[in-house]
N, C-alpha and C. Protein backbone atom coordinates (compact mmCIF):
# COMPACT_ATOMS: atom_id res chain seq x y z
N UNK A 1 17.51 9.22 23.24
CA UNK A 1 16.18 9.77 22.95
C UNK A 1 15.34 9.68 24.70
N UNK A 2 14.40 10.29 24.85
CA UNK A 2 13.98 9.73 26.03
C UNK A 2 12.59 9.11 25.28
N UNK A 3 12.01 8.33 26.42
CA UNK A 3 10.66 7.12 26.18
C UNK A 3 9.69 8.09 25.42
N UNK A 4 9.23 9.69 25.67
CA UNK A 4 8.39 10.06 25.17
C UNK A 4 8.80 10.58 23.91
N UNK A 5 9.66 10.76 23.40
CA UNK A 5 10.20 11.47 21.86
C UNK A 5 10.09 9.97 20.89
N UNK A 6 10.51 8.60 22.12
CA UNK A 6 10.79 7.79 21.10
C UNK A 6 8.86 7.36 20.78
N UNK A 7 8.00 7.56 21.49
CA UNK A 7 6.69 7.58 21.62
C UNK A 7 6.06 7.85 20.21
N UNK A 8 6.75 9.32 20.41
CA UNK A 8 5.84 10.42 19.35
C UNK A 8 6.79 9.96 17.94
N UNK A 9 8.23 9.58 17.67
CA UNK A 9 8.47 9.42 16.47
C UNK A 9 7.88 8.19 16.49
N UNK A 10 7.29 6.91 17.06
CA UNK A 10 6.68 6.18 16.37
C UNK A 10 4.72 6.30 15.97
N UNK A 11 4.73 7.08 16.45
CA UNK A 11 3.44 7.53 16.30
C UNK A 11 3.14 8.27 14.82
N UNK A 12 4.41 9.52 14.57
CA UNK A 12 4.58 9.88 13.50
C UNK A 12 4.72 8.54 12.35
N UNK A 13 5.34 7.42 12.59
CA UNK A 13 5.83 6.82 11.32
C UNK A 13 4.51 6.06 11.27
N UNK A 14 4.05 5.65 11.76
CA UNK A 14 2.57 4.93 11.88
C UNK A 14 1.41 6.14 10.76
N UNK A 15 1.94 7.42 11.20
CA UNK A 15 1.09 8.62 10.34
C UNK A 15 1.36 8.10 9.41
N UNK A 16 2.84 8.02 8.86
CA UNK A 16 3.55 7.99 7.49
C UNK A 16 3.00 6.77 6.74
N UNK A 17 3.07 5.75 7.60
CA UNK A 17 2.59 4.14 6.66
C UNK A 17 1.27 4.72 6.37
N UNK A 18 0.54 5.06 7.29
CA UNK A 18 -1.29 5.04 6.88
C UNK A 18 -1.14 6.19 5.53
N UNK A 19 -0.37 7.16 5.15
CA UNK A 19 -0.70 7.93 4.04
C UNK A 19 -0.23 7.45 2.77
N UNK A 20 1.04 5.85 3.23
CA UNK A 20 1.64 5.37 1.97
C UNK A 20 0.28 4.63 1.83
N UNK A 21 0.07 3.75 2.83
CA UNK A 21 -1.04 2.63 2.28
C UNK A 21 -2.35 3.52 1.80
N UNK A 22 -2.49 4.63 1.44
CA UNK A 22 -3.72 5.43 1.19
C UNK A 22 -3.11 5.70 -0.38
N UNK A 23 -2.21 6.04 -0.46
CA UNK A 23 -1.02 6.37 -1.77
C UNK A 23 -1.44 5.17 -2.66
N UNK A 24 -0.76 3.94 -2.10
CA UNK A 24 -0.69 2.49 -2.92
C UNK A 24 -2.47 1.85 -3.66
N UNK A 25 -3.43 2.62 -2.32
CA UNK A 25 -4.62 2.46 -2.78
C UNK A 25 -5.19 2.98 -4.00
N UNK A 26 -4.93 4.20 -4.19
CA UNK A 26 -5.01 5.14 -5.31
C UNK A 26 -4.68 4.73 -6.45
N UNK A 27 -3.14 4.33 -6.07
CA UNK A 27 -3.14 3.68 -7.07
C UNK A 27 -3.38 2.63 -8.05
N UNK A 28 -3.88 1.60 -6.90
CA UNK A 28 -4.62 0.26 -7.40
C UNK A 28 -6.23 1.00 -7.76
N UNK A 29 -6.65 2.20 -7.08
CA UNK A 29 -7.91 2.46 -8.02
C UNK A 29 -7.95 2.98 -9.47
N UNK A 30 -6.58 4.15 -9.94
CA UNK A 30 -6.81 4.33 -10.77
C UNK A 30 -6.11 3.47 -12.20
N UNK A 31 -5.52 1.96 -11.23
CA UNK A 31 -5.13 1.15 -12.52
C UNK A 31 -6.57 0.15 -12.52
N UNK A 32 -7.25 0.12 -11.55
CA UNK A 32 -8.52 -0.85 -12.02
C UNK A 32 -9.35 0.27 -13.20
N UNK A 33 -9.68 1.44 -12.91
CA UNK A 33 -9.89 2.09 -13.54
C UNK A 33 -9.91 2.29 -15.17
N UNK A 34 -8.80 2.04 -15.45
CA UNK A 34 -7.99 1.89 -16.77
C UNK A 34 -8.42 0.86 -17.45
N UNK A 35 -8.38 -0.45 -16.31
CA UNK A 35 -8.41 -1.73 -16.95
C UNK A 35 -10.32 -1.53 -17.14
N UNK A 36 -11.14 -1.21 -16.13
CA UNK A 36 -12.21 -1.23 -16.78
C UNK A 36 -12.65 -0.46 -18.36
N UNK A 37 -12.21 1.01 -18.30
CA UNK A 37 -11.92 1.25 -19.51
C UNK A 37 -11.77 0.76 -20.82
N UNK A 38 -10.79 0.29 -20.30
CA UNK A 38 -10.04 -0.65 -21.68
C UNK A 38 -10.91 -1.94 -22.05
N UNK A 39 -11.81 -2.61 -20.83
CA UNK A 39 -12.72 -3.75 -21.32
C UNK A 39 -14.09 -2.66 -21.59
N UNK A 40 -14.73 -2.02 -21.33
CA UNK A 40 -15.27 -1.12 -21.94
C UNK A 40 -15.16 -0.88 -23.14
N UNK A 41 -14.12 0.12 -23.94
CA UNK A 41 -14.12 0.04 -25.07
C UNK A 41 -13.48 -1.49 -26.09
N UNK A 42 -13.48 -2.43 -25.10
CA UNK A 42 -13.64 -3.76 -25.94
C UNK A 42 -11.48 -3.49 -26.14
N UNK A 43 -11.06 -3.29 -25.46
CA UNK A 43 -9.57 -3.13 -26.01
C UNK A 43 -9.15 -4.68 -25.54
N UNK A 44 -9.55 -4.85 -24.25
CA UNK A 44 -9.43 -6.17 -23.75
C UNK A 44 -10.63 -7.32 -23.36
N UNK A 45 -10.57 -8.17 -23.29
CA UNK A 45 -11.57 -8.94 -22.89
C UNK A 45 -11.95 -9.06 -21.28
N UNK A 46 -13.51 -9.30 -21.03
CA UNK A 46 -13.71 -9.67 -19.38
C UNK A 46 -12.48 -10.44 -18.71
N UNK A 47 -12.83 -11.46 -19.26
CA UNK A 47 -11.69 -12.65 -18.77
C UNK A 47 -10.36 -11.69 -18.66
N UNK A 48 -9.68 -11.28 -19.36
CA UNK A 48 -8.25 -10.26 -19.14
C UNK A 48 -8.42 -9.13 -18.04
N UNK A 49 -9.79 -8.63 -18.59
CA UNK A 49 -9.61 -7.16 -17.24
C UNK A 49 -9.74 -8.13 -15.87
N UNK A 50 -10.55 -9.25 -15.57
CA UNK A 50 -10.49 -9.88 -14.34
C UNK A 50 -8.88 -10.44 -14.14
N UNK A 51 -8.14 -10.79 -14.43
CA UNK A 51 -7.18 -11.53 -14.31
C UNK A 51 -6.31 -10.09 -13.88
N UNK A 52 -6.07 -9.12 -14.76
CA UNK A 52 -5.22 -8.04 -14.55
C UNK A 52 -5.71 -7.12 -13.27
N UNK A 53 -6.73 -7.20 -12.78
CA UNK A 53 -7.46 -6.77 -11.72
C UNK A 53 -7.08 -7.86 -10.32
N UNK A 54 -7.08 -9.06 -10.31
CA UNK A 54 -6.40 -9.61 -9.51
C UNK A 54 -5.05 -9.65 -9.61
N UNK A 55 -4.39 -9.21 -10.54
CA UNK A 55 -2.77 -8.99 -10.33
C UNK A 55 -2.88 -7.50 -9.50
N UNK A 56 -3.10 -6.92 -10.07
CA UNK A 56 -3.10 -5.26 -9.31
C UNK A 56 -3.20 -5.91 -7.65
N UNK A 57 -4.57 -6.15 -7.30
CA UNK A 57 -5.14 -6.32 -6.01
C UNK A 57 -3.58 -6.84 -5.49
N UNK A 58 -2.86 -8.55 -5.98
CA UNK A 58 -1.92 -8.88 -5.37
C UNK A 58 -1.01 -7.86 -5.31
N UNK A 59 -0.06 -7.14 -5.99
CA UNK A 59 0.72 -6.59 -6.00
C UNK A 59 0.79 -5.55 -4.96
N UNK A 60 -0.99 -4.84 -4.80
CA UNK A 60 -1.10 -3.56 -3.59
C UNK A 60 -0.80 -4.67 -2.24
N UNK A 61 -1.42 -5.89 -2.33
CA UNK A 61 -1.22 -6.70 -0.93
C UNK A 61 0.36 -6.44 -0.69
N UNK A 62 0.92 -7.31 -1.66
CA UNK A 62 2.36 -7.00 -1.21
C UNK A 62 2.93 -6.13 -0.69
N UNK A 63 2.42 -4.82 -1.32
CA UNK A 63 3.35 -3.41 -1.41
C UNK A 63 2.78 -3.43 -0.11
N UNK A 64 2.24 -3.31 0.72
CA UNK A 64 1.19 -2.84 1.93
C UNK A 64 1.85 -3.99 3.13
N UNK A 65 2.07 -5.05 2.49
CA UNK A 65 2.39 -6.06 3.50
C UNK A 65 3.78 -5.37 3.82
N UNK A 66 5.03 -5.28 2.85
CA UNK A 66 6.25 -4.87 2.72
C UNK A 66 6.44 -3.58 3.17
N UNK A 67 5.79 -2.51 3.12
CA UNK A 67 5.95 -1.21 4.32
C UNK A 67 5.40 -1.56 5.78
N UNK A 68 4.13 -2.32 5.49
CA UNK A 68 3.85 -2.71 7.50
C UNK A 68 5.45 -3.29 8.04
N UNK A 69 5.97 -4.26 7.19
CA UNK A 69 7.35 -5.21 7.87
C UNK A 69 7.99 -3.92 7.47
N UNK A 70 8.58 -3.55 6.75
CA UNK A 70 9.65 -2.40 7.24
C UNK A 70 8.78 -1.33 8.50
N UNK A 71 7.88 -0.85 8.70
CA UNK A 71 7.18 -0.25 9.73
C UNK A 71 7.59 -0.81 11.21
N UNK A 72 7.19 -2.24 11.18
CA UNK A 72 7.46 -3.14 12.40
C UNK A 72 9.29 -2.98 12.83
N UNK A 73 9.77 -3.40 11.55
CA UNK A 73 11.30 -3.46 12.17
C UNK A 73 11.59 -1.57 12.43
N UNK A 74 11.14 -0.69 12.08
CA UNK A 74 11.66 0.82 12.49
C UNK A 74 11.03 0.93 13.82
N UNK A 75 10.04 0.39 14.14
CA UNK A 75 9.32 0.53 15.40
C UNK A 75 10.43 -0.15 16.06
N UNK A 76 10.51 -1.05 16.07
CA UNK A 76 11.51 -2.06 17.15
C UNK A 76 12.89 -1.13 17.70
N UNK A 77 13.36 -0.93 16.38
CA UNK A 77 14.39 0.07 16.16
C UNK A 77 14.77 1.71 17.35
N UNK A 78 13.38 2.02 16.42
CA UNK A 78 13.34 3.54 17.33
C UNK A 78 13.10 3.20 18.94
N UNK A 79 12.05 2.27 19.70
CA UNK A 79 11.81 1.61 20.93
C UNK A 79 12.96 1.28 21.75
N UNK A 80 14.09 0.48 20.85
CA UNK A 80 14.91 0.18 21.67
C UNK A 80 15.76 0.76 22.34
N UNK A 81 16.00 0.69 23.74
CA UNK A 81 17.12 1.62 24.39
C UNK A 81 18.16 1.31 24.35
């Protein structure tokens, strides 16, 4: 591959990464909305809601970190001559 083509592949890789981040955030939002509804309907306590939301955030952060690390490794592999 030429240098220009490698740069294009990396740009595409970064666009895909951003789409995946957005998808993970949407799942987090849906999960948080479900937790809020459960708390509102008195199916779980406020403490349980807070703990669950913190756990969802922790899982979201971990997944995004894992995706970013994979992207960095793949970018280095693509840019290697």
